[in-house]
Amino acid sequence: MKTITLLYFSAIVLLTPNLPEPSSNCSWDGIYLSGRVQFVDAFPDIRIQFVSSFPDLRVKWVGHSPDACGEWQEVSSFPDIRIQVVNSFPDLRIQEVNSFPGVN
């Protein structure tokens, strides 16, 4: 019985994908998580899901000069990051905040 249980849990660990997470230097897969963002329907740099708890990144929307980690400015052209909002299988879970943006 112990052998079957051990094999079962070993298979789960091996088959679970190792998804990238935001790093402590505020980047994900080589993309800095601050700057001018554009929402797109296809060919995004990052797929996000908005959540109210347990986010990967807290985002504060700013009007200009998004230079700190988690500060985003929405633009319609010349973005730093192209983002697609999805309901399932996001790259990052995002929480909108009014203060203290950044990586958890």
C-alpha atoms as a PDB file:
ATOM      1  CA  MET A   1       0.000   0.000   0.000  1.00  0.00           C
ATOM      2  CA  LYS A   2       2.835   2.401   0.839  1.00  0.00           C
ATOM      3  CA  THR A   3       4.479   1.695  -2.504  1.00  0.00           C
ATOM      4  CA  ILE A   4       1.297   2.485  -4.452  1.00  0.00           C
ATOM      5  CA  THR A   5       0.763   5.708  -2.497  1.00  0.00           C
ATOM      6  CA  LEU A   6       4.385   6.738  -3.010  1.00  0.00           C
ATOM      7  CA  LEU A   7       4.161   6.024  -6.748  1.00  0.00           C
ATOM      8  CA  TYR A   8       0.911   7.977  -6.999  1.00  0.00           C
ATOM      9  CA  PHE A   9       2.351  11.093  -5.326  1.00  0.00           C
ATOM     10  CA  SER A  10       5.579  10.800  -7.320  1.00  0.00           C
ATOM     11  CA  ALA A  11       3.569  10.775 -10.550  1.00  0.00           C
ATOM     12  CA  ILE A  12       1.631  13.873  -9.455  1.00  0.00           C
ATOM     13  CA  VAL A  13       4.840  15.763  -8.692  1.00  0.00           C
ATOM     14  CA  LEU A  14       6.453  14.756 -11.980  1.00  0.00           C
ATOM     15  CA  LEU A  15       3.394  15.565 -14.103  1.00  0.00           C
ATOM     16  CA  THR A  16       2.674  18.942 -12.494  1.00  0.00           C
ATOM     17  CA  PRO A  17       4.017  21.681 -14.774  1.00  0.00           C
ATOM     18  CA  ASN A  18       6.637  23.976 -13.341  1.00  0.00           C
ATOM     19  CA  LEU A  19       5.085  27.345 -14.160  1.00  0.00           C
ATOM     20  CA  PRO A  20       7.226  30.471 -13.939  1.00  0.00           C
ATOM     21  CA  GLU A  21       6.349  32.923 -11.190  1.00  0.00           C
ATOM     22  CA  PRO A  22       7.221  36.584 -10.823  1.00  0.00           C
ATOM     23  CA  SER A  23      10.712  36.956  -9.456  1.00  0.00           C
ATOM     24  CA  SER A  24      11.745  39.202  -6.610  1.00  0.00           C
ATOM     25  CA  ASN A  25      13.236  41.675  -9.127  1.00  0.00           C
ATOM     26  CA  CYS A  26       9.737  42.274 -10.562  1.00  0.00           C
ATOM     27  CA  SER A  27      10.035  40.375 -13.804  1.00  0.00           C
ATOM     28  CA  TRP A  28       8.247  37.420 -15.327  1.00  0.00           C
ATOM     29  CA  ASP A  29       9.833  35.353 -18.087  1.00  0.00           C
ATOM     30  CA  GLY A  30      12.213  38.239 -18.853  1.00  0.00           C
ATOM     31  CA  ILE A  31       9.461  40.902 -18.934  1.00  0.00           C
ATOM     32  CA  TYR A  32       9.709  43.735 -16.405  1.00  0.00           C
ATOM     33  CA  LEU A  33       6.310  44.072 -14.690  1.00  0.00           C
ATOM     34  CA  SER A  34       6.102  47.849 -14.814  1.00  0.00           C
ATOM     35  CA  GLY A  35       5.375  50.276 -17.603  1.00  0.00           C
ATOM     36  CA  ARG A  36       2.921  51.076 -20.350  1.00  0.00           C
ATOM     37  CA  VAL A  37       0.436  48.248 -20.988  1.00  0.00           C
ATOM     38  CA  GLN A  38      -1.972  47.615 -23.844  1.00  0.00           C
ATOM     39  CA  PHE A  39      -4.865  45.159 -23.635  1.00  0.00           C
ATOM     40  CA  VAL A  40      -5.027  42.873 -26.680  1.00  0.00           C
ATOM     41  CA  ASP A  41      -7.190  39.958 -27.842  1.00  0.00           C
ATOM     42  CA  ALA A  42      -4.387  37.978 -29.508  1.00  0.00           C
ATOM     43  CA  PHE A  43      -0.609  37.525 -29.330  1.00  0.00           C
ATOM     44  CA  PRO A  44      -0.069  38.824 -25.775  1.00  0.00           C
ATOM     45  CA  ASP A  45       3.209  38.975 -23.897  1.00  0.00           C
ATOM     46  CA  ILE A  46       1.385  37.943 -20.699  1.00  0.00           C
ATOM     47  CA  ARG A  47      -2.019  36.412 -19.984  1.00  0.00           C
ATOM     48  CA  ILE A  48      -3.501  37.741 -16.724  1.00  0.00           C
ATOM     49  CA  GLN A  49      -6.496  37.075 -14.534  1.00  0.00           C
ATOM     50  CA  PHE A  50      -7.848  39.699 -12.147  1.00  0.00           C
ATOM     51  CA  VAL A  51      -8.350  38.313  -8.631  1.00  0.00           C
ATOM     52  CA  SER A  52      -9.320  39.727  -5.257  1.00  0.00           C
ATOM     53  CA  SER A  53      -7.024  37.543  -3.156  1.00  0.00           C
ATOM     54  CA  PHE A  54      -3.739  35.633  -3.413  1.00  0.00           C
ATOM     55  CA  PRO A  55      -2.290  37.593  -6.364  1.00  0.00           C
ATOM     56  CA  ASP A  56       1.086  37.072  -7.964  1.00  0.00           C
ATOM     57  CA  LEU A  57       1.353  40.835  -8.545  1.00  0.00           C
ATOM     58  CA  ARG A  58      -0.403  43.856  -7.057  1.00  0.00           C
ATOM     59  CA  VAL A  59      -0.953  46.550  -9.698  1.00  0.00           C
ATOM     60  CA  LYS A  60      -1.504  50.262  -9.209  1.00  0.00           C
ATOM     61  CA  TRP A  61      -2.792  52.193 -12.232  1.00  0.00           C
ATOM     62  CA  VAL A  62      -0.990  55.507 -12.745  1.00  0.00           C
ATOM     63  CA  GLY A  63      -1.534  58.385 -15.154  1.00  0.00           C
ATOM     64  CA  HIS A  64       2.114  58.874 -16.087  1.00  0.00           C
ATOM     65  CA  SER A  65       5.643  57.677 -15.321  1.00  0.00           C
ATOM     66  CA  PRO A  66       5.054  54.016 -14.400  1.00  0.00           C
ATOM     67  CA  ASP A  67       8.550  53.283 -13.134  1.00  0.00           C
ATOM     68  CA  ALA A  68       8.096  51.298  -9.904  1.00  0.00           C
ATOM     69  CA  CYS A  69       7.331  47.587  -9.712  1.00  0.00           C
ATOM     70  CA  GLY A  70       3.623  46.987 -10.301  1.00  0.00           C
ATOM     71  CA  GLU A  71       2.840  50.478 -11.591  1.00  0.00           C
ATOM     72  CA  TRP A  72       1.003  50.271 -14.917  1.00  0.00           C
ATOM     73  CA  GLN A  73      -0.253  52.907 -17.320  1.00  0.00           C
ATOM     74  CA  GLU A  74      -2.870  51.825 -19.866  1.00  0.00           C
ATOM     75  CA  VAL A  75      -2.087  52.982 -23.416  1.00  0.00           C
ATOM     76  CA  SER A  76      -3.512  52.275 -26.869  1.00  0.00           C
ATOM     77  CA  SER A  77      -0.215  52.362 -28.779  1.00  0.00           C
ATOM     78  CA  PHE A  78       3.526  51.781 -28.241  1.00  0.00           C
ATOM     79  CA  PRO A  79       3.179  49.572 -25.140  1.00  0.00           C
ATOM     80  CA  ASP A  80       5.965  48.047 -23.098  1.00  0.00           C
ATOM     81  CA  ILE A  81       3.771  44.992 -22.384  1.00  0.00           C
ATOM     82  CA  ARG A  82       0.843  43.516 -24.343  1.00  0.00           C
ATOM     83  CA  ILE A  83      -1.707  41.894 -21.992  1.00  0.00           C
ATOM     84  CA  GLN A  84      -4.638  39.567 -22.565  1.00  0.00           C
ATOM     85  CA  VAL A  85      -7.233  39.082 -19.817  1.00  0.00           C
ATOM     86  CA  VAL A  86      -8.309  35.440 -19.460  1.00  0.00           C
ATOM     87  CA  ASN A  87     -10.625  33.555 -17.100  1.00  0.00           C
ATOM     88  CA  SER A  88      -8.541  30.406 -16.849  1.00  0.00           C
ATOM     89  CA  PHE A  89      -4.896  29.336 -17.103  1.00  0.00           C
ATOM     90  CA  PRO A  90      -3.331  32.783 -16.609  1.00  0.00           C
ATOM     91  CA  ASP A  91       0.377  33.432 -16.539  1.00  0.00           C
ATOM     92  CA  LEU A  92      -0.120  35.852 -13.634  1.00  0.00           C
ATOM     93  CA  ARG A  93      -2.902  36.600 -11.168  1.00  0.00           C
ATOM     94  CA  ILE A  94      -3.306  40.372 -10.727  1.00  0.00           C
ATOM     95  CA  GLN A  95      -4.910  42.359  -7.924  1.00  0.00           C
ATOM     96  CA  GLU A  96      -5.661  46.040  -8.483  1.00  0.00           C
ATOM     97  CA  VAL A  97      -4.607  48.185  -5.514  1.00  0.00           C
ATOM     98  CA  ASN A  98      -4.447  51.879  -4.614  1.00  0.00           C
ATOM     99  CA  SER A  99      -1.202  51.589  -2.653  1.00  0.00           C
ATOM    100  CA  PHE A 100       1.760  49.255  -2.166  1.00  0.00           C
ATOM    101  CA  PRO A 101       1.998  47.721  -5.658  1.00  0.00           C
ATOM    102  CA  GLY A 102       4.496  44.978  -6.399  1.00  0.00           C
ATOM    103  CA  VAL A 103       5.299  41.299  -6.143  1.00  0.00           C
ATOM    104  CA  ASN A 104       4.091  39.316  -3.126  1.00  0.00           C
END
